[in-house]
Amino acid sequence: MRILIADDDFQVRGALRLLIEQQFDDVAVEEISAAGQLLELHQCASSDLILLDWELPGEDRFSLLQDLKTRCPGAAVVVLSALPESRKEALVCGARAFISKNDPPEVFIQLLRDIAAG
């Protein structure tokens, strides 16, 4: 599985990478810190999963999500946010799933397993 983490907080990116690499054997993880980088990267087209910080600076959230769905049609986009109230907006905008950054790691890992299983 190829995962792209898009979050402006290096600690969040590092923690997610560590958690993913500890739980999955055959995984490649890329990290970016800005929305502009996300749309420039060719890796998004080959990603199976994009973990998108809903507060990622630099782009309108709705437009960014729509651009990702167009440029990376094979990737599932999971929105991450420290604000649980963002869940409804993210799902309405087209995210495959939503994870609160306050959720326990087990919730995150189970979601990744569900996505990997199809």
C-alpha atoms as a PDB file:
ATOM      1  CA  MET A   1       0.000   0.000   0.000  1.00  0.00           C
ATOM      2  CA  ARG A   2       1.231   3.501  -0.839  1.00  0.00           C
ATOM      3  CA  ILE A   3       0.236   6.217   1.642  1.00  0.00           C
ATOM      4  CA  LEU A   4       0.720   9.964   1.341  1.00  0.00           C
ATOM      5  CA  ILE A   5       0.489  11.998   4.568  1.00  0.00           C
ATOM      6  CA  ALA A   6      -0.360  15.667   4.028  1.00  0.00           C
ATOM      7  CA  ASP A   7      -0.086  17.572   7.317  1.00  0.00           C
ATOM      8  CA  ASP A   8       1.726  20.789   8.208  1.00  0.00           C
ATOM      9  CA  ASP A   9       2.724  19.473  11.659  1.00  0.00           C
ATOM     10  CA  PHE A  10       5.926  17.414  11.434  1.00  0.00           C
ATOM     11  CA  GLN A  11       5.142  15.713  14.744  1.00  0.00           C
ATOM     12  CA  VAL A  12       1.781  14.493  13.455  1.00  0.00           C
ATOM     13  CA  ARG A  13       3.378  13.266  10.218  1.00  0.00           C
ATOM     14  CA  GLY A  14       6.109  11.468  12.147  1.00  0.00           C
ATOM     15  CA  ALA A  15       3.670   9.845  14.561  1.00  0.00           C
ATOM     16  CA  LEU A  16       1.416   8.661  11.739  1.00  0.00           C
ATOM     17  CA  ARG A  17       4.374   7.293   9.772  1.00  0.00           C
ATOM     18  CA  LEU A  18       5.667   5.409  12.812  1.00  0.00           C
ATOM     19  CA  LEU A  19       2.242   3.969  13.593  1.00  0.00           C
ATOM     20  CA  ILE A  20       1.688   2.885   9.982  1.00  0.00           C
ATOM     21  CA  GLU A  21       5.139   1.342   9.595  1.00  0.00           C
ATOM     22  CA  GLN A  22       4.740  -0.581  12.874  1.00  0.00           C
ATOM     23  CA  GLN A  23       1.379  -2.026  11.865  1.00  0.00           C
ATOM     24  CA  PHE A  24       1.834  -2.794   8.152  1.00  0.00           C
ATOM     25  CA  ASP A  25       4.589  -4.753   6.440  1.00  0.00           C
ATOM     26  CA  ASP A  26       4.248  -3.806   2.791  1.00  0.00           C
ATOM     27  CA  VAL A  27       3.758  -0.046   2.914  1.00  0.00           C
ATOM     28  CA  ALA A  28       5.458   2.994   1.399  1.00  0.00           C
ATOM     29  CA  VAL A  29       4.841   6.295   3.189  1.00  0.00           C
ATOM     30  CA  GLU A  30       5.468   9.771   1.743  1.00  0.00           C
ATOM     31  CA  GLU A  31       5.056  13.036   3.656  1.00  0.00           C
ATOM     32  CA  ILE A  32       4.288  16.590   2.592  1.00  0.00           C
ATOM     33  CA  SER A  33       3.571  19.728   4.599  1.00  0.00           C
ATOM     34  CA  ALA A  34       1.627  22.075   2.279  1.00  0.00           C
ATOM     35  CA  ALA A  35      -1.374  21.884  -0.031  1.00  0.00           C
ATOM     36  CA  GLY A  36       0.618  23.267  -2.959  1.00  0.00           C
ATOM     37  CA  GLN A  37       3.073  20.387  -2.662  1.00  0.00           C
ATOM     38  CA  LEU A  38       0.221  17.931  -2.666  1.00  0.00           C
ATOM     39  CA  LEU A  39      -1.146  19.095  -5.986  1.00  0.00           C
ATOM     40  CA  GLU A  40       2.323  19.234  -7.565  1.00  0.00           C
ATOM     41  CA  LEU A  41       3.319  15.730  -6.555  1.00  0.00           C
ATOM     42  CA  HIS A  42       3.057  12.966  -9.080  1.00  0.00           C
ATOM     43  CA  GLN A  43       3.057  10.511  -6.171  1.00  0.00           C
ATOM     44  CA  CYS A  44      -0.545  11.333  -5.357  1.00  0.00           C
ATOM     45  CA  ALA A  45      -1.571   9.684  -8.626  1.00  0.00           C
ATOM     46  CA  SER A  46       0.053   6.434  -7.535  1.00  0.00           C
ATOM     47  CA  SER A  47      -1.073   6.618  -3.892  1.00  0.00           C
ATOM     48  CA  ASP A  48      -3.628   4.180  -2.563  1.00  0.00           C
ATOM     49  CA  LEU A  49      -4.429   6.411   0.374  1.00  0.00           C
ATOM     50  CA  ILE A  50      -4.041  10.116   1.100  1.00  0.00           C
ATOM     51  CA  LEU A  51      -4.255  11.233   4.730  1.00  0.00           C
ATOM     52  CA  LEU A  52      -5.293  14.876   4.441  1.00  0.00           C
ATOM     53  CA  ASP A  53      -5.133  17.375   7.298  1.00  0.00           C
ATOM     54  CA  TRP A  54      -8.407  19.295   7.005  1.00  0.00           C
ATOM     55  CA  GLU A  55      -6.674  22.433   8.281  1.00  0.00           C
ATOM     56  CA  LEU A  56      -3.769  22.147   5.798  1.00  0.00           C
ATOM     57  CA  PRO A  57      -2.857  25.743   4.853  1.00  0.00           C
ATOM     58  CA  GLY A  58      -2.718  26.993   1.309  1.00  0.00           C
ATOM     59  CA  GLU A  59      -5.914  25.891  -0.437  1.00  0.00           C
ATOM     60  CA  ASP A  60      -9.660  25.960  -0.017  1.00  0.00           C
ATOM     61  CA  ARG A  61     -10.607  22.608   1.543  1.00  0.00           C
ATOM     62  CA  PHE A  62     -13.427  21.792  -0.842  1.00  0.00           C
ATOM     63  CA  SER A  63     -11.377  22.718  -3.922  1.00  0.00           C
ATOM     64  CA  LEU A  64      -8.377  20.775  -2.669  1.00  0.00           C
ATOM     65  CA  LEU A  65     -10.439  17.654  -2.083  1.00  0.00           C
ATOM     66  CA  GLN A  66     -12.075  17.946  -5.512  1.00  0.00           C
ATOM     67  CA  ASP A  67      -8.671  18.419  -7.173  1.00  0.00           C
ATOM     68  CA  LEU A  68      -7.346  15.337  -5.388  1.00  0.00           C
ATOM     69  CA  LYS A  69     -10.292  13.244  -6.519  1.00  0.00           C
ATOM     70  CA  THR A  70      -9.660  14.360 -10.118  1.00  0.00           C
ATOM     71  CA  ARG A  71      -5.857  14.036 -10.127  1.00  0.00           C
ATOM     72  CA  CYS A  72      -5.684  10.917  -7.966  1.00  0.00           C
ATOM     73  CA  PRO A  73      -8.812   8.939  -8.838  1.00  0.00           C
ATOM     74  CA  GLY A  74      -7.460   5.676  -7.436  1.00  0.00           C
ATOM     75  CA  ALA A  75      -6.638   7.107  -4.016  1.00  0.00           C
ATOM     76  CA  ALA A  76      -8.923   7.008  -1.015  1.00  0.00           C
ATOM     77  CA  VAL A  77      -8.811  10.360   0.773  1.00  0.00           C
ATOM     78  CA  VAL A  78      -9.153  10.208   4.549  1.00  0.00           C
ATOM     79  CA  VAL A  79      -9.495  13.548   6.301  1.00  0.00           C
ATOM     80  CA  LEU A  80      -7.720  14.119   9.613  1.00  0.00           C
ATOM     81  CA  SER A  81      -8.646  16.927  11.970  1.00  0.00           C
ATOM     82  CA  ALA A  82      -8.257  17.927  15.594  1.00  0.00           C
ATOM     83  CA  LEU A  83     -11.790  19.310  15.314  1.00  0.00           C
ATOM     84  CA  PRO A  84     -14.302  16.437  15.468  1.00  0.00           C
ATOM     85  CA  GLU A  85     -17.042  18.819  14.328  1.00  0.00           C
ATOM     86  CA  SER A  86     -15.330  18.909  10.900  1.00  0.00           C
ATOM     87  CA  ARG A  87     -16.452  15.319  10.221  1.00  0.00           C
ATOM     88  CA  LYS A  88     -19.732  16.218   8.515  1.00  0.00           C
ATOM     89  CA  GLU A  89     -18.172  18.881   6.280  1.00  0.00           C
ATOM     90  CA  ALA A  90     -15.323  16.586   5.204  1.00  0.00           C
ATOM     91  CA  LEU A  91     -17.652  13.716   4.337  1.00  0.00           C
ATOM     92  CA  VAL A  92     -20.064  16.004   2.469  1.00  0.00           C
ATOM     93  CA  CYS A  93     -17.105  17.353   0.478  1.00  0.00           C
ATOM     94  CA  GLY A  94     -16.252  13.817  -0.636  1.00  0.00           C
ATOM     95  CA  ALA A  95     -13.754  12.351   1.811  1.00  0.00           C
ATOM     96  CA  ARG A  96     -13.862   8.559   2.009  1.00  0.00           C
ATOM     97  CA  ALA A  97     -13.591   8.720   5.799  1.00  0.00           C
ATOM     98  CA  PHE A  98     -12.800  11.037   8.691  1.00  0.00           C
ATOM     99  CA  ILE A  99     -10.504  10.485  11.653  1.00  0.00           C
ATOM    100  CA  SER A 100     -10.255  12.835  14.596  1.00  0.00           C
ATOM    101  CA  LYS A 101      -6.661  13.402  15.663  1.00  0.00           C
ATOM    102  CA  ASN A 102      -8.012  12.799  19.170  1.00  0.00           C
ATOM    103  CA  ASP A 103      -9.176   9.253  18.340  1.00  0.00           C
ATOM    104  CA  PRO A 104      -7.122   6.404  19.791  1.00  0.00           C
ATOM    105  CA  PRO A 105      -4.558   4.814  17.449  1.00  0.00           C
ATOM    106  CA  GLU A 106      -6.641   1.627  17.249  1.00  0.00           C
ATOM    107  CA  VAL A 107      -9.417   3.504  15.427  1.00  0.00           C
ATOM    108  CA  PHE A 108      -6.923   4.830  12.885  1.00  0.00           C
ATOM    109  CA  ILE A 109      -5.310   1.420  12.314  1.00  0.00           C
ATOM    110  CA  GLN A 110      -8.690  -0.320  11.914  1.00  0.00           C
ATOM    111  CA  LEU A 111      -9.729   2.246   9.315  1.00  0.00           C
ATOM    112  CA  LEU A 112      -6.513   1.664   7.377  1.00  0.00           C
ATOM    113  CA  ARG A 113      -7.065  -2.103   7.522  1.00  0.00           C
ATOM    114  CA  ASP A 114     -10.627  -1.665   6.239  1.00  0.00           C
ATOM    115  CA  ILE A 115      -9.444   0.499   3.343  1.00  0.00           C
ATOM    116  CA  ALA A 116      -6.614  -1.908   2.495  1.00  0.00           C
ATOM    117  CA  ALA A 117      -9.107  -4.797   2.460  1.00  0.00           C
ATOM    118  CA  GLY A 118     -11.275  -2.919  -0.023  1.00  0.00           C
END
